[in-house]
Amino acid sequence: MTNKLTSSGFFNSIQLLQAYEQAIDKNIISSITDTQGIIVYANKKFCEISKFDLPELIGKSHNIVNSGYHSKDFFRIMWQTIAKGNTWHEEVKNKDKNGIFYWVDTVIVPIKDTEDKISNYLSLRTLITDKKLLEIKKAKYVNSLESILVMTSSKVKNPLAICLKQINAFNPEKQNGKVEMKQIMDDLKESVSDLDSFTNELTSYIRDLEL
């Protein structure tokens, strides 16, 4: 069916390439480097997101948007992968010209010449900053919940254990001395006071978490 449409003149290869280029420029951050990683092409979307003008990008490496977030091993594996002619796909945290961080879902594809040797690398990226910020917020929330559980375990169980111990030790049928009764009451008051302080602390912690 494709061959029929093409031969019928509904569209030609140049028009198709132009359509692809327009679609990519609208939605995809793309660039092409030489085998040393020097940028030889960058599209409008790359300039828009990175805040760099095209002349500032051409002739530079992608270190120009390196955020410093990823380790050297992260990029070493990238280079090892694409140098072997394989496609590399990862999420990358970059930094624009103004120092603002942004996340991109990145695919790097080796481009080979007629002799099957790598001549360039094509990078295609989609912006995923909102997704990553949501993941980070979720992770922070989960860590906060874990902290609450730890706080609850240590600061609630101990006072409750003391209260239960004193309650179980109290025998209404037994004539308890004033000193013994005073000790029981003092222990109960201290435990209740600890629980009250923790309740206030936990309330403040949750309010800060909500902010």
N, C-alpha and C. Protein backbone atom coordinates (compact mmCIF):
# COMPACT_ATOMS: atom_id res chain seq x y z
N MET A 1 0.84 -1.21 0.00
CA MET A 1 0.00 0.00 0.00
C MET A 1 0.87 1.26 0.00
N THR A 2 1.97 1.21 0.76
CA THR A 2 2.88 2.35 0.81
C THR A 2 3.50 2.61 -0.55
N ASN A 3 3.94 1.53 -1.19
CA ASN A 3 4.54 1.68 -2.52
C ASN A 3 3.55 2.28 -3.50
N LYS A 4 2.29 1.86 -3.41
CA LYS A 4 1.26 2.36 -4.30
C LYS A 4 1.03 3.86 -4.10
N LEU A 5 0.99 4.26 -2.82
CA LEU A 5 0.78 5.67 -2.53
C LEU A 5 1.96 6.50 -3.02
N THR A 6 3.16 5.98 -2.81
CA THR A 6 4.35 6.72 -3.22
C THR A 6 4.43 6.85 -4.73
N SER A 7 4.22 5.76 -5.41
CA SER A 7 4.30 5.78 -6.87
C SER A 7 3.19 6.59 -7.49
N SER A 8 2.10 6.74 -6.76
CA SER A 8 0.98 7.53 -7.27
C SER A 8 1.19 9.02 -7.07
N GLY A 9 2.22 9.38 -6.36
CA GLY A 9 2.56 10.79 -6.21
C GLY A 9 1.85 11.49 -5.07
N PHE A 10 1.24 10.73 -4.13
CA PHE A 10 0.57 11.39 -3.01
C PHE A 10 1.58 12.12 -2.13
N PHE A 11 2.75 11.58 -2.01
CA PHE A 11 3.83 12.30 -1.34
C PHE A 11 5.16 11.74 -1.83
N ASN A 12 6.21 12.54 -1.73
CA ASN A 12 7.53 12.07 -2.11
C ASN A 12 8.44 12.07 -0.89
N SER A 13 9.62 11.53 -1.05
CA SER A 13 10.53 11.37 0.08
C SER A 13 10.93 12.69 0.70
N ILE A 14 11.09 13.75 -0.11
CA ILE A 14 11.48 15.06 0.44
C ILE A 14 10.38 15.62 1.33
N GLN A 15 9.13 15.52 0.85
CA GLN A 15 8.01 16.00 1.65
C GLN A 15 7.88 15.20 2.95
N LEU A 16 8.13 13.91 2.86
CA LEU A 16 8.04 13.05 4.05
C LEU A 16 9.11 13.43 5.06
N LEU A 17 10.33 13.67 4.59
CA LEU A 17 11.42 14.08 5.48
C LEU A 17 11.12 15.43 6.13
N GLN A 18 10.55 16.33 5.36
CA GLN A 18 10.19 17.65 5.90
C GLN A 18 9.12 17.51 6.98
N ALA A 19 8.17 16.62 6.75
CA ALA A 19 7.11 16.39 7.73
C ALA A 19 7.69 15.80 9.02
N TYR A 20 8.61 14.85 8.86
CA TYR A 20 9.27 14.27 10.02
C TYR A 20 10.04 15.34 10.80
N GLU A 21 10.76 16.18 10.08
CA GLU A 21 11.55 17.23 10.71
C GLU A 21 10.68 18.20 11.49
N GLN A 22 9.53 18.57 10.90
CA GLN A 22 8.61 19.48 11.58
C GLN A 22 8.05 18.85 12.85
N ALA A 23 7.71 17.56 12.75
CA ALA A 23 7.16 16.85 13.91
C ALA A 23 8.20 16.75 15.02
N ILE A 24 9.45 16.44 14.65
CA ILE A 24 10.52 16.32 15.64
C ILE A 24 10.81 17.67 16.27
N ASP A 25 10.91 18.72 15.45
CA ASP A 25 11.21 20.05 15.97
C ASP A 25 10.14 20.54 16.95
N LYS A 26 8.93 20.07 16.76
CA LYS A 26 7.82 20.49 17.61
C LYS A 26 7.82 19.78 18.95
N ASN A 27 8.22 18.52 18.96
CA ASN A 27 8.05 17.69 20.17
C ASN A 27 9.33 17.07 20.73
N ILE A 28 10.36 16.94 19.92
CA ILE A 28 11.55 16.20 20.32
C ILE A 28 12.79 17.11 20.34
N ILE A 29 13.59 16.95 21.40
CA ILE A 29 14.89 17.62 21.47
C ILE A 29 15.88 16.72 20.74
N SER A 30 16.44 17.21 19.65
CA SER A 30 17.34 16.35 18.88
C SER A 30 18.66 17.05 18.58
N SER A 31 19.69 16.23 18.44
CA SER A 31 21.02 16.74 18.09
C SER A 31 21.82 15.62 17.44
N ILE A 32 22.84 16.02 16.72
CA ILE A 32 23.76 15.07 16.09
C ILE A 32 25.18 15.48 16.46
N THR A 33 25.99 14.51 16.85
CA THR A 33 27.39 14.79 17.17
C THR A 33 28.30 13.97 16.26
N ASP A 34 29.57 14.34 16.24
CA ASP A 34 30.53 13.48 15.56
C ASP A 34 30.93 12.37 16.52
N THR A 35 31.89 11.55 16.14
CA THR A 35 32.26 10.41 16.97
C THR A 35 32.97 10.81 18.26
N GLN A 36 33.39 12.08 18.35
CA GLN A 36 34.04 12.59 19.56
C GLN A 36 33.04 13.27 20.50
N GLY A 37 31.77 13.29 20.08
CA GLY A 37 30.75 13.90 20.92
C GLY A 37 30.57 15.39 20.72
N ILE A 38 31.15 15.94 19.66
CA ILE A 38 31.01 17.37 19.37
C ILE A 38 29.73 17.60 18.57
N ILE A 39 28.92 18.54 19.01
CA ILE A 39 27.63 18.81 18.38
C ILE A 39 27.82 19.44 17.00
N VAL A 40 27.23 18.82 15.99
CA VAL A 40 27.27 19.36 14.63
C VAL A 40 25.89 19.81 14.17
N TYR A 41 24.88 19.40 14.92
CA TYR A 41 23.49 19.81 14.60
C TYR A 41 22.66 19.81 15.89
N ALA A 42 21.81 20.80 16.03
CA ALA A 42 20.86 20.85 17.15
C ALA A 42 19.59 21.51 16.63
N ASN A 43 18.44 20.95 16.99
CA ASN A 43 17.20 21.50 16.45
C ASN A 43 16.66 22.64 17.34
N LYS A 44 15.57 23.23 16.90
CA LYS A 44 14.99 24.38 17.61
C LYS A 44 14.56 24.02 19.03
N LYS A 45 14.05 22.81 19.20
CA LYS A 45 13.58 22.39 20.52
C LYS A 45 14.74 22.32 21.51
N PHE A 46 15.89 21.87 21.04
CA PHE A 46 17.08 21.82 21.89
C PHE A 46 17.43 23.23 22.36
N CYS A 47 17.43 24.18 21.44
CA CYS A 47 17.73 25.58 21.79
C CYS A 47 16.70 26.13 22.76
N GLU A 48 15.44 25.80 22.51
CA GLU A 48 14.35 26.30 23.36
C GLU A 48 14.47 25.81 24.79
N ILE A 49 14.74 24.51 24.96
CA ILE A 49 14.80 23.92 26.29
C ILE A 49 16.11 24.26 27.01
N SER A 50 17.22 24.25 26.28
CA SER A 50 18.52 24.50 26.91
C SER A 50 18.80 25.98 27.12
N LYS A 51 18.03 26.85 26.43
CA LYS A 51 18.20 28.30 26.48
C LYS A 51 19.49 28.78 25.78
N PHE A 52 20.18 27.86 25.09
CA PHE A 52 21.36 28.25 24.32
C PHE A 52 20.97 28.52 22.87
N ASP A 53 21.58 29.54 22.26
CA ASP A 53 21.40 29.77 20.83
C ASP A 53 22.19 28.73 20.06
N LEU A 54 21.79 28.49 18.84
CA LEU A 54 22.44 27.46 18.03
C LEU A 54 23.95 27.66 17.91
N PRO A 55 24.45 28.88 17.64
CA PRO A 55 25.91 29.06 17.55
C PRO A 55 26.64 28.71 18.85
N GLU A 56 25.93 28.79 19.99
CA GLU A 56 26.55 28.44 21.27
C GLU A 56 26.66 26.93 21.45
N LEU A 57 25.85 26.18 20.71
CA LEU A 57 25.84 24.72 20.84
C LEU A 57 26.77 24.04 19.84
N ILE A 58 26.76 24.54 18.60
CA ILE A 58 27.58 23.93 17.56
C ILE A 58 29.07 24.02 17.91
N GLY A 59 29.74 22.89 17.80
CA GLY A 59 31.17 22.86 18.13
C GLY A 59 31.45 22.53 19.58
N LYS A 60 30.41 22.44 20.40
CA LYS A 60 30.56 22.08 21.82
C LYS A 60 30.11 20.63 22.03
N SER A 61 30.50 20.08 23.17
CA SER A 61 30.00 18.76 23.54
C SER A 61 28.74 18.94 24.40
N HIS A 62 28.09 17.82 24.71
CA HIS A 62 26.88 17.92 25.54
C HIS A 62 27.20 18.25 27.00
N ASN A 63 28.49 18.38 27.30
CA ASN A 63 28.84 18.84 28.65
C ASN A 63 28.31 20.24 28.92
N ILE A 64 27.95 20.95 27.87
CA ILE A 64 27.41 22.30 28.01
C ILE A 64 26.09 22.29 28.78
N VAL A 65 25.39 21.15 28.78
CA VAL A 65 24.14 21.03 29.55
C VAL A 65 24.26 20.00 30.67
N ASN A 66 25.50 19.61 30.98
CA ASN A 66 25.72 18.61 32.03
C ASN A 66 25.36 19.21 33.40
N SER A 67 24.49 18.55 34.12
CA SER A 67 24.04 19.06 35.42
C SER A 67 24.97 18.67 36.55
N GLY A 68 25.87 17.70 36.30
CA GLY A 68 26.72 17.21 37.37
C GLY A 68 26.03 16.18 38.25
N TYR A 69 24.81 15.83 37.90
CA TYR A 69 24.03 14.89 38.72
C TYR A 69 24.50 13.45 38.56
N HIS A 70 24.86 13.07 37.33
CA HIS A 70 25.21 11.68 37.04
C HIS A 70 26.71 11.43 37.26
N SER A 71 27.02 10.17 37.58
CA SER A 71 28.41 9.79 37.83
C SER A 71 29.18 9.63 36.52
N LYS A 72 30.51 9.56 36.64
CA LYS A 72 31.35 9.33 35.47
C LYS A 72 31.05 7.96 34.86
N ASP A 73 30.74 6.98 35.71
CA ASP A 73 30.41 5.64 35.22
C ASP A 73 29.15 5.65 34.36
N PHE A 74 28.21 6.52 34.70
CA PHE A 74 26.96 6.64 33.95
C PHE A 74 27.26 6.96 32.48
N PHE A 75 28.13 7.95 32.27
CA PHE A 75 28.46 8.35 30.90
C PHE A 75 29.49 7.41 30.26
N ARG A 76 30.31 6.79 31.08
CA ARG A 76 31.26 5.81 30.54
C ARG A 76 30.51 4.64 29.91
N ILE A 77 29.47 4.18 30.59
CA ILE A 77 28.65 3.09 30.05
C ILE A 77 27.95 3.54 28.77
N MET A 78 27.49 4.80 28.76
CA MET A 78 26.85 5.35 27.56
C MET A 78 27.79 5.26 26.36
N TRP A 79 29.04 5.74 26.55
CA TRP A 79 30.01 5.75 25.45
C TRP A 79 30.38 4.33 25.02
N GLN A 80 30.51 3.44 25.98
CA GLN A 80 30.83 2.05 25.64
C GLN A 80 29.71 1.43 24.80
N THR A 81 28.46 1.77 25.15
CA THR A 81 27.31 1.20 24.46
C THR A 81 27.22 1.69 23.02
N ILE A 82 27.27 3.00 22.84
CA ILE A 82 27.09 3.54 21.48
C ILE A 82 28.31 3.30 20.60
N ALA A 83 29.51 3.22 21.20
CA ALA A 83 30.72 2.96 20.43
C ALA A 83 30.70 1.56 19.81
N LYS A 84 29.93 0.66 20.44
CA LYS A 84 29.78 -0.69 19.91
C LYS A 84 28.69 -0.77 18.84
N GLY A 85 28.05 0.37 18.56
CA GLY A 85 26.99 0.39 17.56
C GLY A 85 25.61 0.09 18.11
N ASN A 86 25.50 0.09 19.45
CA ASN A 86 24.21 -0.20 20.08
C ASN A 86 23.49 1.09 20.50
N THR A 87 22.18 0.99 20.65
CA THR A 87 21.37 2.13 21.08
C THR A 87 21.40 2.24 22.60
N TRP A 88 21.54 3.46 23.09
CA TRP A 88 21.56 3.73 24.54
C TRP A 88 20.31 4.49 24.92
N HIS A 89 19.66 4.07 26.02
CA HIS A 89 18.40 4.69 26.44
C HIS A 89 18.40 4.87 27.96
N GLU A 90 18.35 6.11 28.42
CA GLU A 90 18.32 6.40 29.85
C GLU A 90 17.62 7.73 30.10
N GLU A 91 17.30 7.98 31.37
CA GLU A 91 16.76 9.28 31.77
C GLU A 91 17.92 10.13 32.27
N VAL A 92 18.02 11.35 31.77
CA VAL A 92 19.18 12.20 32.07
C VAL A 92 18.73 13.54 32.64
N LYS A 93 19.43 13.97 33.68
CA LYS A 93 19.17 15.27 34.27
C LYS A 93 20.16 16.28 33.70
N ASN A 94 19.65 17.30 33.02
CA ASN A 94 20.48 18.33 32.41
C ASN A 94 20.27 19.68 33.09
N LYS A 95 21.05 20.66 32.67
CA LYS A 95 20.94 22.01 33.22
C LYS A 95 21.00 23.01 32.07
N ASP A 96 20.04 23.95 32.06
CA ASP A 96 20.02 24.92 30.96
C ASP A 96 21.00 26.07 31.21
N LYS A 97 21.04 27.01 30.30
CA LYS A 97 22.00 28.12 30.36
C LYS A 97 21.81 28.96 31.62
N ASN A 98 20.58 29.02 32.15
CA ASN A 98 20.29 29.82 33.34
C ASN A 98 20.48 29.05 34.64
N GLY A 99 20.95 27.80 34.52
CA GLY A 99 21.18 27.00 35.72
C GLY A 99 19.96 26.23 36.20
N ILE A 100 18.90 26.20 35.39
CA ILE A 100 17.69 25.48 35.76
C ILE A 100 17.80 24.02 35.30
N PHE A 101 17.52 23.10 36.21
CA PHE A 101 17.60 21.68 35.88
C PHE A 101 16.36 21.21 35.11
N TYR A 102 16.57 20.25 34.23
CA TYR A 102 15.45 19.62 33.54
C TYR A 102 15.82 18.18 33.21
N TRP A 103 14.81 17.33 33.15
CA TRP A 103 15.01 15.90 32.89
C TRP A 103 14.56 15.55 31.48
N VAL A 104 15.32 14.66 30.83
CA VAL A 104 14.96 14.21 29.48
C VAL A 104 15.10 12.70 29.39
N ASP A 105 14.13 12.08 28.73
CA ASP A 105 14.22 10.66 28.37
C ASP A 105 15.04 10.61 27.09
N THR A 106 16.22 10.02 27.15
CA THR A 106 17.21 10.14 26.08
C THR A 106 17.47 8.82 25.36
N VAL A 107 17.48 8.89 24.03
CA VAL A 107 17.87 7.76 23.18
C VAL A 107 18.99 8.24 22.27
N ILE A 108 20.10 7.52 22.25
CA ILE A 108 21.22 7.84 21.37
C ILE A 108 21.42 6.68 20.40
N VAL A 109 21.40 7.00 19.12
CA VAL A 109 21.50 5.98 18.08
C VAL A 109 22.74 6.25 17.21
N PRO A 110 23.62 5.27 17.06
CA PRO A 110 24.78 5.45 16.17
C PRO A 110 24.33 5.53 14.70
N ILE A 111 24.94 6.44 13.96
CA ILE A 111 24.70 6.56 12.52
C ILE A 111 25.92 5.99 11.80
N LYS A 112 25.69 5.07 10.86
CA LYS A 112 26.80 4.42 10.17
C LYS A 112 26.87 4.86 8.71
N ASP A 113 28.08 4.87 8.18
CA ASP A 113 28.28 5.24 6.78
C ASP A 113 28.12 4.02 5.87
N THR A 114 28.43 4.19 4.60
CA THR A 114 28.26 3.10 3.64
C THR A 114 29.19 1.93 3.90
N GLU A 115 30.23 2.17 4.67
CA GLU A 115 31.17 1.10 5.00
C GLU A 115 30.86 0.48 6.36
N ASP A 116 29.68 0.82 6.89
CA ASP A 116 29.20 0.29 8.16
C ASP A 116 30.06 0.75 9.35
N LYS A 117 30.70 1.90 9.19
CA LYS A 117 31.45 2.49 10.29
C LYS A 117 30.65 3.64 10.89
N ILE A 118 30.76 3.79 12.20
CA ILE A 118 30.02 4.87 12.88
C ILE A 118 30.60 6.21 12.48
N SER A 119 29.75 7.09 11.97
CA SER A 119 30.18 8.42 11.54
C SER A 119 29.65 9.51 12.46
N ASN A 120 28.48 9.27 13.05
CA ASN A 120 27.85 10.27 13.92
C ASN A 120 26.96 9.57 14.94
N TYR A 121 26.47 10.37 15.89
CA TYR A 121 25.49 9.87 16.87
C TYR A 121 24.28 10.80 16.85
N LEU A 122 23.10 10.19 16.75
CA LEU A 122 21.85 10.94 16.78
C LEU A 122 21.22 10.80 18.16
N SER A 123 20.92 11.94 18.78
CA SER A 123 20.28 11.94 20.10
C SER A 123 18.86 12.48 19.99
N LEU A 124 17.93 11.73 20.54
CA LEU A 124 16.53 12.15 20.59
C LEU A 124 16.08 12.15 22.05
N ARG A 125 15.51 13.28 22.47
CA ARG A 125 15.13 13.41 23.88
C ARG A 125 13.71 13.97 24.02
N THR A 126 13.00 13.47 25.00
CA THR A 126 11.69 14.03 25.33
C THR A 126 11.74 14.57 26.76
N LEU A 127 11.10 15.69 26.97
CA LEU A 127 11.12 16.35 28.27
C LEU A 127 10.24 15.60 29.27
N ILE A 128 10.80 15.22 30.42
CA ILE A 128 10.05 14.46 31.43
C ILE A 128 10.22 15.07 32.83
N THR A 129 10.48 16.38 32.86
CA THR A 129 10.74 17.03 34.14
C THR A 129 9.58 16.87 35.12
N ASP A 130 8.35 17.07 34.66
CA ASP A 130 7.19 16.95 35.54
C ASP A 130 7.08 15.54 36.12
N LYS A 131 7.33 14.55 35.29
CA LYS A 131 7.27 13.16 35.73
C LYS A 131 8.31 12.88 36.81
N LYS A 132 9.54 13.37 36.59
CA LYS A 132 10.61 13.13 37.56
C LYS A 132 10.35 13.86 38.87
N LEU A 133 9.84 15.09 38.79
CA LEU A 133 9.53 15.84 40.02
C LEU A 133 8.46 15.13 40.83
N LEU A 134 7.50 14.52 40.13
CA LEU A 134 6.45 13.77 40.81
C LEU A 134 7.04 12.53 41.48
N GLU A 135 7.97 11.87 40.81
CA GLU A 135 8.62 10.69 41.38
C GLU A 135 9.43 11.06 42.62
N ILE A 136 10.13 12.19 42.53
CA ILE A 136 10.93 12.66 43.66
C ILE A 136 10.04 13.02 44.85
N LYS A 137 8.92 13.67 44.56
CA LYS A 137 7.97 14.04 45.61
C LYS A 137 7.39 12.80 46.27
N LYS A 138 7.09 11.79 45.44
CA LYS A 138 6.54 10.54 45.96
C LYS A 138 7.56 9.84 46.85
N ALA A 139 8.82 9.80 46.40
CA ALA A 139 9.88 9.16 47.18
C ALA A 139 10.08 9.88 48.51
N LYS A 140 10.03 11.22 48.47
CA LYS A 140 10.17 12.01 49.70
C LYS A 140 9.01 11.71 50.65
N TYR A 141 7.81 11.57 50.10
CA TYR A 141 6.63 11.29 50.91
C TYR A 141 6.75 9.92 51.57
N VAL A 142 7.21 8.92 50.79
CA VAL A 142 7.38 7.57 51.33
C VAL A 142 8.42 7.57 52.44
N ASN A 143 9.53 8.29 52.23
CA ASN A 143 10.57 8.38 53.26
C ASN A 143 10.03 9.04 54.52
N SER A 144 9.17 10.03 54.33
CA SER A 144 8.57 10.72 55.47
C SER A 144 7.66 9.78 56.26
N LEU A 145 6.90 8.97 55.52
CA LEU A 145 6.02 7.99 56.19
C LEU A 145 6.84 6.98 56.98
N GLU A 146 7.97 6.56 56.40
CA GLU A 146 8.85 5.63 57.10
C GLU A 146 9.40 6.27 58.37
N SER A 147 9.72 7.56 58.29
CA SER A 147 10.21 8.27 59.47
C SER A 147 9.14 8.34 60.55
N ILE A 148 7.89 8.56 60.11
CA ILE A 148 6.78 8.60 61.06
C ILE A 148 6.63 7.26 61.77
N LEU A 149 6.76 6.17 61.00
CA LEU A 149 6.65 4.84 61.59
C LEU A 149 7.74 4.59 62.63
N VAL A 150 8.96 5.04 62.31
CA VAL A 150 10.07 4.88 63.26
C VAL A 150 9.81 5.70 64.51
N MET A 151 9.36 6.94 64.32
CA MET A 151 9.06 7.81 65.46
C MET A 151 7.96 7.20 66.33
N THR A 152 6.94 6.68 65.66
CA THR A 152 5.81 6.10 66.39
C THR A 152 6.24 4.87 67.17
N SER A 153 7.08 4.07 66.55
CA SER A 153 7.53 2.84 67.19
C SER A 153 8.31 3.11 68.47
N SER A 154 9.21 4.10 68.41
CA SER A 154 10.08 4.36 69.56
C SER A 154 9.44 5.25 70.62
N LYS A 155 8.59 6.18 70.17
CA LYS A 155 8.07 7.17 71.12
C LYS A 155 6.65 6.89 71.61
N VAL A 156 6.04 5.86 71.08
CA VAL A 156 4.70 5.48 71.56
C VAL A 156 4.74 4.17 72.32
N LYS A 157 5.48 3.21 71.78
CA LYS A 157 5.51 1.89 72.41
C LYS A 157 6.09 1.93 73.82
N ASN A 158 7.18 2.69 73.99
CA ASN A 158 7.82 2.71 75.31
C ASN A 158 6.91 3.28 76.41
N PRO A 159 6.32 4.48 76.20
CA PRO A 159 5.41 5.00 77.23
C PRO A 159 4.19 4.08 77.46
N LEU A 160 3.67 3.52 76.38
CA LEU A 160 2.53 2.61 76.53
C LEU A 160 2.92 1.37 77.33
N ALA A 161 4.12 0.87 77.09
CA ALA A 161 4.59 -0.31 77.82
C ALA A 161 4.68 -0.02 79.31
N ILE A 162 5.14 1.20 79.66
CA ILE A 162 5.23 1.59 81.07
C ILE A 162 3.84 1.70 81.69
N CYS A 163 2.91 2.31 80.92
CA CYS A 163 1.54 2.43 81.42
C CYS A 163 0.93 1.06 81.68
N LEU A 164 1.08 0.16 80.73
CA LEU A 164 0.51 -1.18 80.88
C LEU A 164 1.15 -1.93 82.05
N LYS A 165 2.45 -1.74 82.22
CA LYS A 165 3.15 -2.40 83.33
C LYS A 165 2.61 -1.93 84.67
N GLN A 166 2.40 -0.61 84.79
CA GLN A 166 1.90 -0.07 86.06
C GLN A 166 0.45 -0.48 86.31
N ILE A 167 -0.34 -0.47 85.23
CA ILE A 167 -1.74 -0.87 85.36
C ILE A 167 -1.84 -2.33 85.79
N ASN A 168 -1.03 -3.18 85.18
CA ASN A 168 -1.05 -4.60 85.52
C ASN A 168 -0.53 -4.85 86.94
N ALA A 169 0.39 -3.99 87.38
CA ALA A 169 0.95 -4.16 88.73
C ALA A 169 -0.01 -3.70 89.82
N PHE A 170 -0.97 -2.85 89.43
CA PHE A 170 -1.92 -2.32 90.42
C PHE A 170 -3.00 -3.35 90.71
N ASN A 171 -3.16 -3.66 91.95
CA ASN A 171 -4.16 -4.64 92.38
C ASN A 171 -5.13 -3.98 93.35
N PRO A 172 -6.39 -3.73 92.91
CA PRO A 172 -7.37 -3.04 93.77
C PRO A 172 -7.63 -3.77 95.09
N GLU A 173 -7.43 -5.11 95.10
CA GLU A 173 -7.72 -5.88 96.32
C GLU A 173 -6.55 -5.84 97.29
N LYS A 174 -5.44 -5.32 96.82
CA LYS A 174 -4.26 -5.25 97.67
C LYS A 174 -4.13 -3.86 98.29
N GLN A 175 -3.74 -3.81 99.54
CA GLN A 175 -3.57 -2.54 100.22
C GLN A 175 -2.22 -1.94 99.81
N ASN A 176 -2.27 -1.00 98.88
CA ASN A 176 -1.03 -0.40 98.41
C ASN A 176 -0.63 0.77 99.32
N GLY A 177 0.65 0.86 99.61
CA GLY A 177 1.16 1.95 100.42
C GLY A 177 1.17 3.25 99.64
N LYS A 178 1.25 4.36 100.38
CA LYS A 178 1.24 5.66 99.73
C LYS A 178 2.44 5.82 98.80
N VAL A 179 3.59 5.33 99.24
CA VAL A 179 4.80 5.45 98.43
C VAL A 179 4.65 4.70 97.12
N GLU A 180 4.09 3.46 97.22
CA GLU A 180 3.89 2.64 96.02
C GLU A 180 2.89 3.29 95.08
N MET A 181 1.80 3.81 95.64
CA MET A 181 0.77 4.47 94.83
C MET A 181 1.33 5.73 94.15
N LYS A 182 2.15 6.47 94.91
CA LYS A 182 2.75 7.68 94.34
C LYS A 182 3.67 7.34 93.17
N GLN A 183 4.42 6.24 93.32
CA GLN A 183 5.33 5.83 92.25
C GLN A 183 4.55 5.44 90.99
N ILE A 184 3.45 4.72 91.20
CA ILE A 184 2.61 4.31 90.07
C ILE A 184 2.05 5.54 89.36
N MET A 185 1.53 6.49 90.13
CA MET A 185 0.94 7.69 89.55
C MET A 185 2.01 8.54 88.83
N ASP A 186 3.19 8.64 89.42
CA ASP A 186 4.27 9.42 88.80
C ASP A 186 4.68 8.81 87.46
N ASP A 187 4.77 7.47 87.43
CA ASP A 187 5.14 6.78 86.18
C ASP A 187 4.08 6.99 85.12
N LEU A 188 2.82 6.92 85.53
CA LEU A 188 1.72 7.11 84.57
C LEU A 188 1.70 8.54 84.03
N LYS A 189 1.90 9.51 84.92
CA LYS A 189 1.91 10.91 84.50
C LYS A 189 3.05 11.18 83.51
N GLU A 190 4.22 10.63 83.83
CA GLU A 190 5.38 10.83 82.95
C GLU A 190 5.14 10.22 81.57
N SER A 191 4.55 9.02 81.55
CA SER A 191 4.29 8.35 80.28
C SER A 191 3.25 9.11 79.46
N VAL A 192 2.19 9.57 80.13
CA VAL A 192 1.15 10.34 79.43
C VAL A 192 1.72 11.64 78.90
N SER A 193 2.61 12.27 79.68
CA SER A 193 3.24 13.51 79.25
C SER A 193 4.12 13.27 78.01
N ASP A 194 4.84 12.14 78.01
CA ASP A 194 5.68 11.79 76.84
C ASP A 194 4.82 11.59 75.61
N LEU A 195 3.69 10.92 75.78
CA LEU A 195 2.77 10.69 74.66
C LEU A 195 2.19 12.00 74.15
N ASP A 196 1.87 12.91 75.06
CA ASP A 196 1.32 14.20 74.67
C ASP A 196 2.36 15.01 73.89
N SER A 197 3.60 14.99 74.35
CA SER A 197 4.68 15.72 73.66
C SER A 197 4.90 15.14 72.26
N PHE A 198 4.87 13.82 72.18
CA PHE A 198 5.07 13.18 70.87
C PHE A 198 3.93 13.52 69.92
N THR A 199 2.70 13.56 70.46
CA THR A 199 1.55 13.90 69.62
C THR A 199 1.72 15.28 69.01
N ASN A 200 2.17 16.25 69.82
CA ASN A 200 2.41 17.60 69.32
C ASN A 200 3.53 17.62 68.28
N GLU A 201 4.60 16.85 68.54
CA GLU A 201 5.73 16.77 67.63
C GLU A 201 5.30 16.16 66.29
N LEU A 202 4.50 15.11 66.38
CA LEU A 202 4.03 14.43 65.17
C LEU A 202 3.11 15.34 64.36
N THR A 203 2.27 16.09 65.04
CA THR A 203 1.37 17.02 64.35
C THR A 203 2.15 18.07 63.58
N SER A 204 3.19 18.63 64.20
CA SER A 204 4.03 19.63 63.53
C SER A 204 4.77 19.01 62.35
N TYR A 205 5.21 17.78 62.51
CA TYR A 205 5.93 17.09 61.43
C TYR A 205 5.03 16.89 60.23
N ILE A 206 3.79 16.48 60.48
CA ILE A 206 2.83 16.22 59.38
C ILE A 206 2.47 17.53 58.69
N ARG A 207 2.33 18.61 59.46
CA ARG A 207 2.01 19.92 58.87
C ARG A 207 3.14 20.37 57.94
N ASP A 208 4.39 20.17 58.37
CA ASP A 208 5.53 20.52 57.53
C ASP A 208 5.56 19.66 56.29
N LEU A 209 5.17 18.41 56.42
CA LEU A 209 5.13 17.49 55.28
C LEU A 209 4.10 17.94 54.26
N GLU A 210 2.97 18.41 54.71
CA GLU A 210 1.91 18.86 53.82
C GLU A 210 2.32 20.10 53.05
N LEU A 211 3.15 20.97 53.67
CA LEU A 211 3.62 22.18 53.01
C LEU A 211 4.61 21.84 51.90
